[in-house]
Amino acid sequence: MDQSRFTALMEPVLAVVSNARIDAALERDLNTKFPAQGETFKTIEAACHEAIAAGWMCTRGGEGRRFGRVVEPSPDTGDLSIDVVDLSDIAGPHHRHPTGEVCMVMPVSDGALFDERGAGWCVNPPGSAHRPTVTNGRALVLYMLPRGEIEFS
């Protein structure tokens, strides 16, 4: 698993997200097209674990919060960045999503929740803000940002 192979795995998801409004309808669409128990979701999830084990994903941060940008926004990604965080029972730094945020929630621990959600997709619309929080254990969260835009406060 390397960055180019990972990006290729993301292509079907990127195609849907890059052509959609970042809103509740997109969340429903992603959960229908790429359900948490489906092949695409499981393949991307396995790739994240493989890349973390290989040492090139989630290379920054410390215990309880590892993170990193995996793919910069470009025409090849529909102008979406891809980041992955590995969080364990923690509230991350408050930030705002000027252009929205699309999250793929992958619990590692049974019962782990990201912002009170289990496995699947969640969409934060443009202008929303939060402290990304994982409770009840550990979860990976892959998130896509239009133009890579995020504002930490």
Protein backbone atom coordinates (compact mmCIF):
# COMPACT_ATOMS: atom_id res chain seq x y z
CA MET A 1 0.00 0.00 0.00
CA ASP A 2 1.38 3.39 -1.01
CA GLN A 3 -0.12 6.83 -1.54
CA SER A 4 -0.91 6.34 -5.23
CA ARG A 5 -2.62 2.98 -4.61
CA PHE A 6 -4.54 4.49 -1.70
CA THR A 7 -5.69 7.40 -3.88
CA ALA A 8 -6.83 4.92 -6.53
CA LEU A 9 -8.93 3.08 -3.90
CA MET A 10 -10.57 6.40 -3.03
CA GLU A 11 -11.55 7.24 -6.64
CA PRO A 12 -15.20 6.06 -6.46
CA VAL A 13 -15.77 8.04 -3.25
CA LEU A 14 -13.95 11.10 -4.58
CA ALA A 15 -16.12 11.02 -7.71
CA VAL A 16 -19.30 11.16 -5.62
CA VAL A 17 -18.08 13.80 -3.15
CA SER A 18 -16.44 16.12 -5.68
CA ASN A 19 -19.66 16.38 -7.68
CA ALA A 20 -22.01 16.95 -4.74
CA ARG A 21 -23.07 19.67 -2.36
CA ILE A 22 -21.58 19.08 1.10
CA ASP A 23 -24.86 18.50 2.96
CA ALA A 24 -27.18 15.92 4.55
CA ALA A 25 -28.16 14.54 1.15
CA LEU A 26 -24.51 13.70 0.46
CA GLU A 27 -24.30 11.91 3.83
CA ARG A 28 -27.33 9.78 2.94
CA ASP A 29 -25.91 9.09 -0.52
CA LEU A 30 -22.52 7.97 0.83
CA ASN A 31 -24.10 5.72 3.46
CA THR A 32 -26.23 4.14 0.70
CA LYS A 33 -23.52 3.77 -1.97
CA PHE A 34 -20.63 2.91 0.36
CA PRO A 35 -22.14 1.39 3.54
CA ALA A 36 -19.88 0.59 6.48
CA GLN A 37 -20.27 -3.15 5.86
CA GLY A 38 -19.76 -2.82 2.11
CA GLU A 39 -16.75 -3.81 0.04
CA THR A 40 -15.53 -0.28 -0.81
CA PHE A 41 -15.72 0.91 2.81
CA LYS A 42 -13.99 -2.23 4.14
CA THR A 43 -11.25 -2.01 1.48
CA ILE A 44 -10.48 1.62 2.33
CA GLU A 45 -10.57 0.81 6.06
CA ALA A 46 -8.10 -2.08 5.61
CA ALA A 47 -5.86 0.16 3.50
CA CYS A 48 -5.77 2.76 6.30
CA HIS A 49 -4.71 0.13 8.83
CA GLU A 50 -2.08 -1.19 6.42
CA ALA A 51 -0.70 2.30 5.73
CA ILE A 52 -0.55 3.14 9.45
CA ALA A 53 1.30 -0.13 10.12
CA ALA A 54 3.68 0.68 7.24
CA GLY A 55 4.45 4.02 8.90
CA TRP A 56 3.37 6.51 6.24
CA MET A 57 -0.15 7.38 7.41
CA CYS A 58 -0.96 9.24 10.68
CA THR A 59 2.69 10.18 11.19
CA ARG A 60 2.15 13.33 13.26
CA GLY A 61 0.88 13.91 16.79
CA GLY A 62 1.26 11.78 19.89
CA GLU A 63 -0.45 9.19 22.02
CA GLY A 64 -4.22 9.31 21.65
CA ARG A 65 -4.11 11.55 18.58
CA ARG A 66 -2.13 10.75 15.45
CA PHE A 67 -2.92 12.44 12.15
CA GLY A 68 -1.68 13.52 8.77
CA ARG A 69 -2.64 14.69 5.33
CA VAL A 70 -2.55 11.75 2.97
CA VAL A 71 -3.44 13.48 -0.30
CA GLU A 72 -3.31 17.15 -1.24
CA PRO A 73 -6.23 18.62 -3.19
CA SER A 74 -5.72 18.49 -6.94
CA PRO A 75 -7.70 18.11 -10.15
CA ASP A 76 -7.13 14.32 -9.84
CA THR A 77 -9.01 14.27 -6.50
CA GLY A 78 -11.82 16.60 -7.54
CA ASP A 79 -10.01 19.31 -5.55
CA LEU A 80 -10.47 17.37 -2.28
CA SER A 81 -7.77 16.77 0.29
CA ILE A 82 -7.72 13.50 2.22
CA ASP A 83 -6.58 13.36 5.83
CA VAL A 84 -6.70 10.49 8.31
CA VAL A 85 -6.71 10.74 12.11
CA ASP A 86 -6.30 7.97 14.66
CA LEU A 87 -8.04 9.05 17.87
CA SER A 88 -8.43 7.32 21.24
CA ASP A 89 -10.83 8.71 23.86
CA ILE A 90 -9.99 12.31 23.07
CA ALA A 91 -11.46 15.62 22.00
CA GLY A 92 -9.32 17.15 19.30
CA PRO A 93 -8.71 20.83 18.58
CA HIS A 94 -11.67 23.03 17.72
CA HIS A 95 -11.86 23.88 14.04
CA ARG A 96 -14.19 25.24 11.39
CA HIS A 97 -14.99 23.86 7.94
CA PRO A 98 -15.28 26.84 5.56
CA THR A 99 -16.22 24.59 2.65
CA GLY A 100 -17.50 21.57 4.60
CA GLU A 101 -16.05 18.24 5.69
CA VAL A 102 -16.89 14.66 4.72
CA CYS A 103 -15.89 12.02 7.29
CA MET A 104 -15.56 8.26 7.04
CA VAL A 105 -15.80 6.88 10.59
CA MET A 106 -14.00 3.59 11.21
CA PRO A 107 -14.24 2.40 14.82
CA VAL A 108 -11.30 0.26 15.90
CA SER A 109 -12.68 -0.51 19.37
CA ASP A 110 -16.11 -2.07 19.70
CA GLY A 111 -18.51 0.73 20.58
CA ALA A 112 -16.11 3.57 19.71
CA LEU A 113 -17.92 6.69 18.52
CA PHE A 114 -16.78 9.75 16.59
CA ASP A 115 -18.88 12.79 17.43
CA GLU A 116 -21.47 10.32 18.80
CA ARG A 117 -21.55 8.31 15.56
CA GLY A 118 -20.48 4.76 14.80
CA ALA A 119 -19.17 3.29 11.56
CA GLY A 120 -20.24 5.10 8.41
CA TRP A 121 -20.24 8.54 6.85
CA CYS A 122 -20.96 11.92 8.39
CA VAL A 123 -21.00 15.26 6.63
CA ASN A 124 -20.38 18.63 8.24
CA PRO A 125 -21.74 21.41 6.01
CA PRO A 126 -19.83 24.55 5.00
CA GLY A 127 -19.37 26.92 7.94
CA SER A 128 -19.80 24.22 10.60
CA ALA A 129 -17.34 23.81 13.47
CA HIS A 130 -16.59 21.21 16.15
CA ARG A 131 -14.06 19.56 18.41
CA PRO A 132 -13.65 16.12 16.83
CA THR A 133 -14.29 13.71 19.69
CA VAL A 134 -13.82 9.97 19.99
CA THR A 135 -15.40 8.20 22.96
CA ASN A 136 -15.52 4.56 24.08
CA GLY A 137 -12.15 3.63 22.64
CA ARG A 138 -10.30 4.14 19.40
CA ALA A 139 -11.44 5.12 15.89
CA LEU A 140 -9.88 6.10 12.60
CA VAL A 141 -11.51 8.97 10.76
CA LEU A 142 -10.76 9.72 7.15
CA TYR A 143 -11.92 13.17 6.17
CA MET A 144 -12.09 15.04 2.90
CA LEU A 145 -12.04 18.82 2.65
CA PRO A 146 -12.92 20.80 -0.48
CA ARG A 147 -9.73 22.66 -1.48
CA GLY A 148 -8.18 21.32 1.75
CA GLU A 149 -9.75 24.19 3.69
CA ILE A 150 -9.84 24.00 7.48
CA GLU A 151 -9.52 26.75 10.11
CA PHE A 152 -8.21 25.84 13.56
CA SER A 153 -9.28 28.12 16.40
